[in-house]
Amino acid sequence: MLGEAAFFDALRQGLWISVVMSTPILAAALIAGVAIGLFQALTSIQEMTLTFVPKLGAIVAVFWVSMSFMTQSLVSYFQDVLVPMIIGG
């Protein structure tokens, strides 16, 4: 039977992995949003697609670049934490 401490430790590690994996994407969205917002404030252009499309492009680009890091993090988490818990070791 799985103890409470082991369960909560695995849960804590999983939440931390999700935070680490989402940080680059959220940072790219924040930087792109601030840059586009500044551009809109300076030029008085209030176009909705002007904020959406560059943000989406930045998110996709950062996701594409960091995809191997995310995959490696998830695989190591599963192999080191979850699979031994499932097996019972």
N, C-alpha and C. Protein backbone atom coordinates (compact mmCIF):
# COMPACT_ATOMS: atom_id res chain seq x y z
N MET A 1 0.83 -1.18 0.00
CA MET A 1 0.00 0.00 0.00
C MET A 1 0.88 1.25 0.00
N LEU A 2 0.45 2.24 -0.71
CA LEU A 2 1.20 3.47 -0.85
C LEU A 2 0.93 4.39 0.34
N GLY A 3 2.01 4.85 0.96
CA GLY A 3 1.86 5.74 2.11
C GLY A 3 1.51 7.16 1.68
N GLU A 4 0.97 7.89 2.63
CA GLU A 4 0.58 9.27 2.35
C GLU A 4 1.78 10.12 1.97
N ALA A 5 2.89 9.92 2.64
CA ALA A 5 4.08 10.73 2.38
C ALA A 5 4.59 10.49 0.96
N ALA A 6 4.62 9.25 0.52
CA ALA A 6 5.08 8.95 -0.83
C ALA A 6 4.13 9.51 -1.88
N PHE A 7 2.84 9.43 -1.61
CA PHE A 7 1.84 9.97 -2.54
C PHE A 7 1.98 11.48 -2.68
N PHE A 8 2.07 12.18 -1.55
CA PHE A 8 2.18 13.63 -1.59
C PHE A 8 3.51 14.09 -2.16
N ASP A 9 4.57 13.31 -1.95
CA ASP A 9 5.86 13.65 -2.55
C ASP A 9 5.80 13.51 -4.06
N ALA A 10 5.17 12.45 -4.55
CA ALA A 10 5.03 12.28 -6.00
C ALA A 10 4.15 13.38 -6.59
N LEU A 11 3.10 13.75 -5.88
CA LEU A 11 2.24 14.84 -6.32
C LEU A 11 2.99 16.16 -6.35
N ARG A 12 3.79 16.43 -5.33
CA ARG A 12 4.58 17.66 -5.28
C ARG A 12 5.57 17.72 -6.43
N GLN A 13 6.24 16.59 -6.70
CA GLN A 13 7.20 16.55 -7.80
C GLN A 13 6.50 16.74 -9.14
N GLY A 14 5.32 16.16 -9.31
CA GLY A 14 4.58 16.33 -10.55
C GLY A 14 4.14 17.76 -10.77
N LEU A 15 3.69 18.41 -9.71
CA LEU A 15 3.30 19.82 -9.83
C LEU A 15 4.51 20.70 -10.13
N TRP A 16 5.65 20.39 -9.52
CA TRP A 16 6.84 21.18 -9.80
C TRP A 16 7.30 20.99 -11.24
N ILE A 17 7.23 19.78 -11.75
CA ILE A 17 7.59 19.52 -13.16
C ILE A 17 6.66 20.31 -14.08
N SER A 18 5.39 20.37 -13.76
CA SER A 18 4.46 21.13 -14.61
C SER A 18 4.76 22.62 -14.56
N VAL A 19 5.16 23.14 -13.41
CA VAL A 19 5.53 24.55 -13.32
C VAL A 19 6.79 24.83 -14.13
N VAL A 20 7.78 23.97 -14.01
CA VAL A 20 9.03 24.16 -14.75
C VAL A 20 8.79 24.06 -16.25
N MET A 21 7.92 23.15 -16.67
CA MET A 21 7.67 22.99 -18.10
C MET A 21 6.85 24.14 -18.67
N SER A 22 5.98 24.74 -17.89
CA SER A 22 5.14 25.81 -18.42
C SER A 22 5.79 27.18 -18.33
N THR A 23 6.85 27.33 -17.56
CA THR A 23 7.48 28.63 -17.38
C THR A 23 7.99 29.25 -18.68
N PRO A 24 8.70 28.53 -19.56
CA PRO A 24 9.16 29.19 -20.80
C PRO A 24 8.01 29.67 -21.68
N ILE A 25 6.95 28.90 -21.76
CA ILE A 25 5.82 29.30 -22.60
C ILE A 25 5.11 30.51 -22.02
N LEU A 26 4.90 30.52 -20.72
CA LEU A 26 4.25 31.66 -20.09
C LEU A 26 5.12 32.91 -20.15
N ALA A 27 6.43 32.74 -20.02
CA ALA A 27 7.33 33.89 -20.12
C ALA A 27 7.32 34.47 -21.53
N ALA A 28 7.28 33.61 -22.54
CA ALA A 28 7.22 34.10 -23.92
C ALA A 28 5.92 34.84 -24.17
N ALA A 29 4.81 34.33 -23.66
CA ALA A 29 3.53 35.01 -23.82
C ALA A 29 3.53 36.36 -23.11
N LEU A 30 4.13 36.41 -21.92
CA LEU A 30 4.20 37.66 -21.18
C LEU A 30 5.05 38.70 -21.91
N ILE A 31 6.21 38.29 -22.38
CA ILE A 31 7.11 39.22 -23.07
C ILE A 31 6.47 39.71 -24.37
N ALA A 32 5.87 38.79 -25.13
CA ALA A 32 5.22 39.20 -26.37
C ALA A 32 4.03 40.12 -26.08
N GLY A 33 3.27 39.83 -25.05
CA GLY A 33 2.13 40.67 -24.70
C GLY A 33 2.53 42.07 -24.28
N VAL A 34 3.59 42.16 -23.48
CA VAL A 34 4.07 43.48 -23.06
C VAL A 34 4.62 44.26 -24.24
N ALA A 35 5.37 43.59 -25.12
CA ALA A 35 5.93 44.27 -26.29
C ALA A 35 4.83 44.76 -27.22
N ILE A 36 3.84 43.94 -27.48
CA ILE A 36 2.74 44.35 -28.35
C ILE A 36 1.89 45.43 -27.70
N GLY A 37 1.68 45.33 -26.40
CA GLY A 37 0.93 46.36 -25.68
C GLY A 37 1.64 47.70 -25.72
N LEU A 38 2.96 47.67 -25.57
CA LEU A 38 3.74 48.89 -25.67
C LEU A 38 3.66 49.48 -27.07
N PHE A 39 3.76 48.61 -28.07
CA PHE A 39 3.64 49.07 -29.47
C PHE A 39 2.25 49.68 -29.72
N GLN A 40 1.22 49.05 -29.20
CA GLN A 40 -0.12 49.58 -29.38
C GLN A 40 -0.29 50.92 -28.66
N ALA A 41 0.29 51.06 -27.49
CA ALA A 41 0.18 52.32 -26.76
C ALA A 41 0.94 53.44 -27.46
N LEU A 42 2.07 53.10 -28.06
CA LEU A 42 2.86 54.12 -28.74
C LEU A 42 2.24 54.55 -30.06
N THR A 43 1.55 53.65 -30.74
CA THR A 43 1.00 53.98 -32.06
C THR A 43 -0.50 54.20 -32.06
N SER A 44 -1.16 53.99 -30.95
CA SER A 44 -2.62 54.14 -30.82
C SER A 44 -3.39 53.21 -31.76
N ILE A 45 -2.80 52.07 -32.08
CA ILE A 45 -3.49 51.05 -32.87
C ILE A 45 -4.16 50.09 -31.90
N GLN A 46 -5.47 49.93 -32.01
CA GLN A 46 -6.20 49.06 -31.09
C GLN A 46 -6.83 47.90 -31.87
N GLU A 47 -6.01 47.11 -32.50
CA GLU A 47 -6.47 45.96 -33.28
C GLU A 47 -6.33 44.70 -32.43
N MET A 48 -7.39 43.93 -32.30
CA MET A 48 -7.38 42.73 -31.46
C MET A 48 -6.46 41.64 -32.01
N THR A 49 -6.43 41.49 -33.33
CA THR A 49 -5.58 40.44 -33.89
C THR A 49 -4.11 40.78 -33.75
N LEU A 50 -3.80 42.05 -33.54
CA LEU A 50 -2.40 42.44 -33.36
C LEU A 50 -1.83 41.87 -32.07
N THR A 51 -2.66 41.67 -31.07
CA THR A 51 -2.16 41.07 -29.83
C THR A 51 -2.19 39.55 -29.89
N PHE A 52 -3.16 38.99 -30.56
CA PHE A 52 -3.34 37.54 -30.54
C PHE A 52 -2.31 36.81 -31.39
N VAL A 53 -2.14 37.24 -32.62
CA VAL A 53 -1.29 36.50 -33.57
C VAL A 53 0.18 36.48 -33.14
N PRO A 54 0.81 37.60 -32.76
CA PRO A 54 2.21 37.50 -32.34
C PRO A 54 2.40 36.69 -31.05
N LYS A 55 1.44 36.79 -30.14
CA LYS A 55 1.53 36.00 -28.92
C LYS A 55 1.46 34.51 -29.23
N LEU A 56 0.54 34.16 -30.11
CA LEU A 56 0.41 32.76 -30.50
C LEU A 56 1.67 32.28 -31.20
N GLY A 57 2.23 33.11 -32.06
CA GLY A 57 3.47 32.75 -32.74
C GLY A 57 4.62 32.56 -31.77
N ALA A 58 4.73 33.44 -30.78
CA ALA A 58 5.80 33.30 -29.78
C ALA A 58 5.62 32.03 -28.96
N ILE A 59 4.38 31.74 -28.59
CA ILE A 59 4.11 30.53 -27.81
C ILE A 59 4.46 29.28 -28.60
N VAL A 60 4.06 29.24 -29.86
CA VAL A 60 4.36 28.07 -30.70
C VAL A 60 5.86 27.92 -30.90
N ALA A 61 6.56 29.04 -31.12
CA ALA A 61 8.02 28.97 -31.33
C ALA A 61 8.73 28.47 -30.08
N VAL A 62 8.35 28.98 -28.92
CA VAL A 62 8.99 28.54 -27.68
C VAL A 62 8.63 27.09 -27.38
N PHE A 63 7.40 26.71 -27.66
CA PHE A 63 7.01 25.31 -27.46
C PHE A 63 7.83 24.40 -28.36
N TRP A 64 8.03 24.80 -29.59
CA TRP A 64 8.79 23.99 -30.55
C TRP A 64 10.24 23.84 -30.08
N VAL A 65 10.82 24.94 -29.57
CA VAL A 65 12.22 24.90 -29.13
C VAL A 65 12.37 24.08 -27.86
N SER A 66 11.43 24.19 -26.92
CA SER A 66 11.57 23.52 -25.63
C SER A 66 10.86 22.17 -25.56
N MET A 67 10.41 21.67 -26.68
CA MET A 67 9.68 20.40 -26.68
C MET A 67 10.56 19.24 -26.20
N SER A 68 11.82 19.21 -26.59
CA SER A 68 12.69 18.10 -26.16
C SER A 68 12.95 18.17 -24.66
N PHE A 69 13.10 19.38 -24.11
CA PHE A 69 13.28 19.53 -22.66
C PHE A 69 12.04 19.05 -21.92
N MET A 70 10.87 19.41 -22.42
CA MET A 70 9.62 18.99 -21.77
C MET A 70 9.46 17.48 -21.80
N THR A 71 9.74 16.90 -22.94
CA THR A 71 9.62 15.45 -23.08
C THR A 71 10.61 14.73 -22.17
N GLN A 72 11.84 15.22 -22.12
CA GLN A 72 12.84 14.61 -21.26
C GLN A 72 12.45 14.73 -19.79
N SER A 73 11.90 15.87 -19.40
CA SER A 73 11.47 16.05 -18.00
C SER A 73 10.34 15.09 -17.64
N LEU A 74 9.36 14.96 -18.52
CA LEU A 74 8.25 14.05 -18.25
C LEU A 74 8.68 12.60 -18.21
N VAL A 75 9.54 12.21 -19.14
CA VAL A 75 10.00 10.82 -19.18
C VAL A 75 10.80 10.48 -17.92
N SER A 76 11.67 11.39 -17.50
CA SER A 76 12.45 11.12 -16.29
C SER A 76 11.56 11.08 -15.05
N TYR A 77 10.53 11.93 -15.01
CA TYR A 77 9.59 11.90 -13.88
C TYR A 77 8.85 10.57 -13.84
N PHE A 78 8.38 10.13 -14.99
CA PHE A 78 7.66 8.85 -15.03
C PHE A 78 8.56 7.69 -14.67
N GLN A 79 9.79 7.68 -15.22
CA GLN A 79 10.68 6.56 -14.96
C GLN A 79 11.20 6.55 -13.53
N ASP A 80 11.45 7.73 -12.96
CA ASP A 80 12.04 7.78 -11.63
C ASP A 80 11.01 7.75 -10.50
N VAL A 81 9.80 8.26 -10.75
CA VAL A 81 8.84 8.40 -9.66
C VAL A 81 7.62 7.50 -9.86
N LEU A 82 6.92 7.65 -10.97
CA LEU A 82 5.63 6.98 -11.12
C LEU A 82 5.71 5.48 -11.41
N VAL A 83 6.62 5.09 -12.30
CA VAL A 83 6.70 3.67 -12.64
C VAL A 83 7.13 2.84 -11.43
N PRO A 84 8.13 3.27 -10.63
CA PRO A 84 8.43 2.48 -9.42
C PRO A 84 7.26 2.43 -8.43
N MET A 85 6.45 3.47 -8.38
CA MET A 85 5.30 3.43 -7.48
C MET A 85 4.24 2.45 -8.00
N ILE A 86 4.08 2.38 -9.32
CA ILE A 86 3.12 1.45 -9.90
C ILE A 86 3.58 0.01 -9.71
N ILE A 87 4.88 -0.21 -9.93
CA ILE A 87 5.44 -1.56 -9.78
C ILE A 87 5.41 -1.99 -8.31
N GLY A 88 5.58 -1.02 -7.42
CA GLY A 88 5.53 -1.34 -6.00
C GLY A 88 6.89 -1.32 -5.35
N GLY A 89 7.86 -0.67 -6.03
CA GLY A 89 9.21 -0.66 -5.48
C GLY A 89 9.60 0.59 -4.81
